[in-house]
């Protein structure tokens, strides 16, 4: 199954699945699950499922990337 190209944050669901996180970050799904083990990573665990609030994810991402490492 081909990955859907995300061109706008609004295309993402309010509660993203780990597959959405992997897609946005262009990383393997396994790596996304490893990332979710980070205590600062925004997640909601329901049973065995992990959901990531979209807006909290992007706030977290902004805080994790130092400004001098962002390239245009």
Protein backbone atom coordinates (compact mmCIF):
# COMPACT_ATOMS: atom_id res chain seq x y z
CA UNK A 1 0.00 0.00 0.00
CA UNK A 2 1.45 3.37 -1.03
CA UNK A 3 1.83 6.11 1.54
CA UNK A 4 -0.55 9.02 1.17
CA UNK A 5 1.31 12.29 0.60
CA UNK A 6 0.27 14.78 3.30
CA UNK A 7 0.27 18.33 1.97
CA UNK A 8 -1.68 20.01 4.78
CA UNK A 9 -1.81 19.35 8.51
CA UNK A 10 -5.60 19.58 8.33
CA UNK A 11 -5.61 16.35 6.27
CA UNK A 12 -4.51 14.46 9.36
CA UNK A 13 -7.07 13.16 11.88
CA UNK A 14 -7.32 14.93 15.24
CA UNK A 15 -6.17 11.70 16.90
CA UNK A 16 -3.43 10.20 14.75
CA UNK A 17 -2.42 6.56 14.64
CA UNK A 18 1.24 5.65 14.85
CA UNK A 19 1.14 4.99 11.10
CA UNK A 20 0.22 8.68 10.63
CA UNK A 21 3.15 9.73 12.83
CA UNK A 22 5.52 7.53 10.82
CA UNK A 23 4.16 8.98 7.58
CA UNK A 24 4.55 12.60 8.72
CA UNK A 25 8.08 12.00 9.97
CA UNK A 26 9.00 9.76 7.02
CA UNK A 27 10.27 7.03 9.35
CA UNK A 28 9.53 3.33 9.73
CA UNK A 29 6.51 2.37 11.80
CA UNK A 30 8.81 0.52 14.21
CA UNK A 31 10.77 3.75 14.78
CA UNK A 32 7.55 5.64 15.45
CA UNK A 33 6.65 3.14 18.18
CA UNK A 34 10.15 3.53 19.65
CA UNK A 35 9.66 7.29 19.64
CA UNK A 36 6.38 6.86 21.51
CA UNK A 37 8.37 5.36 24.42
CA UNK A 38 9.90 8.80 25.03
CA UNK A 39 8.19 10.21 28.17
CA UNK A 40 7.83 13.65 26.55
CA UNK A 41 6.06 12.26 23.46
CA UNK A 42 2.34 13.23 23.47
CA UNK A 43 0.21 10.12 23.38
CA UNK A 44 -2.99 8.61 24.67
CA UNK A 45 -2.89 4.88 25.38
CA UNK A 46 -6.19 3.02 25.16
CA UNK A 47 -5.69 -0.65 25.84
CA UNK A 48 -2.97 -1.67 23.39
CA UNK A 49 -3.64 1.23 21.01
CA UNK A 50 -1.65 4.45 20.93
CA UNK A 51 -3.23 7.63 19.61
CA UNK A 52 -1.42 10.92 19.20
CA UNK A 53 -3.27 14.24 19.42
CA UNK A 54 -2.39 16.03 16.18
CA UNK A 55 -1.91 19.51 17.63
CA UNK A 56 0.09 18.26 20.63
CA UNK A 57 2.30 16.25 18.26
CA UNK A 58 3.22 19.31 16.21
CA UNK A 59 3.86 21.39 19.35
CA UNK A 60 6.12 18.59 20.62
CA UNK A 61 7.90 18.39 17.28
CA UNK A 62 8.53 22.15 17.29
CA UNK A 63 10.10 21.87 20.75
CA UNK A 64 12.25 18.85 19.83
CA UNK A 65 13.92 20.42 16.79
CA UNK A 66 16.44 23.16 17.63
CA UNK A 67 15.91 26.21 15.37
CA UNK A 68 19.44 25.99 13.91
CA UNK A 69 18.76 22.43 12.65
CA UNK A 70 15.78 23.36 10.49
CA UNK A 71 16.72 23.74 6.85
CA UNK A 72 14.70 25.57 4.25
